[in-house]
Amino acid sequence: MDSSTTRARDVAGEDAKLRKSLGYWSLLAMGVGSVIGSGWLFSAMYAAQTAGPASLIAWVIGGALMLMIALVFAELGMVRPESGGLVRYPLYSNGKLAATVVGLAMWLSYVGNPPSEASGVVQYASAWLGGVYDTKAEKLTHWGILLAIVLMAGFVVLNYFGVRLFAESNNIVTAIKIIIPTITVILLIVSGFDHQHGAGGSANFTGHGGFAPEGYGAALGAIASAGMIFAYTGFRNIIELSGEAKNPRKDIPRALVTTIVFTILLYIALQIAFLAATPADLLAKSGWSGINFDSPYADLAKLLGFSWLYWLLIADSSLSPSGSGIVYTASNGRNVFGLAKNGLFPTAVMKIHQGSGIPRRALLLNFVVGICFLLPLPSWHEIVGVMSTMAAFTFSIGSITLLTFRAVGLGSERTRLKGMEIIAPLAFIVSSLVIFWSTWPDLKKTIPVVVIAVVWYAVLHIRGNLGMDEIRGGGWLVVYLAAMYVMSYIGSFGGQDWITAPWDTIVAAAIAIGCYVWGLREGVTYMTAHPEIVESLQAHAGDEEAPEVSVA
């Protein structure tokens, strides 16, 4: 029996062990619970530092982008519900090179979430636990890193014993996570606009440098650098766990859209609350760029005289990030499961524990890599800047995959969402601009990921004696990312400013349009040349078993 046949047999066997036990409310709780993580505790402050009141524009643009991307993946989830789907879809549409680049970037963007959530917990805990956070350096101390690792281990333990235990505990946590930000919004907005205890209120939106003190370009940069993309990307977990949904074609689209719309409104309200409640005297001294709190909302609550809210937020600072970290720990186990099905990881890590229905080895692998992620980036802000950028360029290929699937006849009228011929290209272009707007200092940190992915693929290509069609199918993606790196370096978003704003954004958008057309053409060519993939996907259209497609 050859290795490909053995892998196909292993994939089918392990897929069958996954439990189909997640309903609409559990999927919705996972989506909302992931989005309302440490992002709500920190993003408003970092967005205000970067763009002042114009940060509101960034939340709207970021939310609109995430809604478009969510709709793209909602249709993909209906056409092909599969655990680890986000790393499987590029393999089907554009082949093994594309799947390797996207898969590695996607995996690392997930691996970085539990460390970021754990670091968020520790940073807020520094209000009552000394020696864990260095305020001046804005990073965790050695003791803080150790505490974050202990928290990450706790995330693994809660996932280790079964998807039902994980889902039930997450539903309760999510309910609490919605209630506390809502209370915070109401109290800070009312107190802020009433100018209680020196809050700036409406004057904060027009004074201190105006609505856009750093220019409107800063609002675009805040989408990635301030953690907005990081916050919204929690919706991915619904897709990653779609293979364990009871009724994926009905529940996944509803859960995705509800998650995005609800959290857009919540995050805009939270940003308004932060802007209005910030004391006027602090802004007079340092402006928005100088505003810095260790525990942003808790510190504002204390300044406004809400001691009980301060302690409630300190308590929630452990719950909200932990809840998100638990969900990401679960979904990244499925991510590794998908990468193993792709042939990028050994089949040993995709083994499903018979009793719990959980890929336990994948959980442990991610825990170890997460520790390696935390050590060189020991702060919430550092981690989310890199993660947001990697997430953005893994989202972009979803549009290519979706329209490629449609072009080769996959899906049906009941799985096709209206307007996708316009939404999908727009999602690709705006995702590309988010990559460009991420700023060169953050974007350059992701270069090793792409280089490693290409080298990794080269080894697989030589070892597996793969055809040139695999390089053609994914070559456009490598060129596309390289072009974004070059544009970021020579542009005005933290780069050399050789091409000034807004012309650098216009050029980046033009490159994105060209790469979109190229990628779609190569996707259709690839799937047309591999009718066995189309036939396998069509044959499995009514279930969640994995088609027999892999890199190896």
Foldseek 3Di string as FASTA:
>chain_A
DDPLVVLLVLQLVLLVLFAQDDEQLLLLLQLLLQLQFLCLFFLLLLLCLQWNLLLLVLLVLLLVLLLLLLLLLLLVCQLAQAALVLLQLLCLQQRDLQSLLLLLLVLVLLLQQLLLRLLLLLLLCCVPDPDQADQVVQFGDPVVLVSSLVLLVVLLVQPVFAPVSLSVVSSVLSVVSVVLLVVLLVVLLVLLLVCALQFQAPCLCQDLCGNGNPDSLSSLLSSQLSQVLVSNVSSVLSRNCRQNHNDRNPNSSVSSNVSSVVVSVSSSSSSNSLSSLPGPVVCVVPNSSPDDDSRRSLVSCVSNPNPVSNVVSSVVSNSSSSSSSSSSLQSSLSSVLSQVLQVLDPSLQNRADNNHSGSSSSSVVSSVVSSVLCVVPRHSSLSRLQSSLSVLLSSLCSLLSSVLCVVVPRDDPSSDDPPSVPSSLVSNLVSLLSNLSSALVNNVVCVVSSVVSNVSVVVLCVVVVDDCLSCQSCVLSSVLSVVSNVLRQCPDNNHPNVPYPPVSSVVSSVSSNVSSVSNNVSSNVSCVVVVLSVVQSVVCSPHNRDRSHHSD
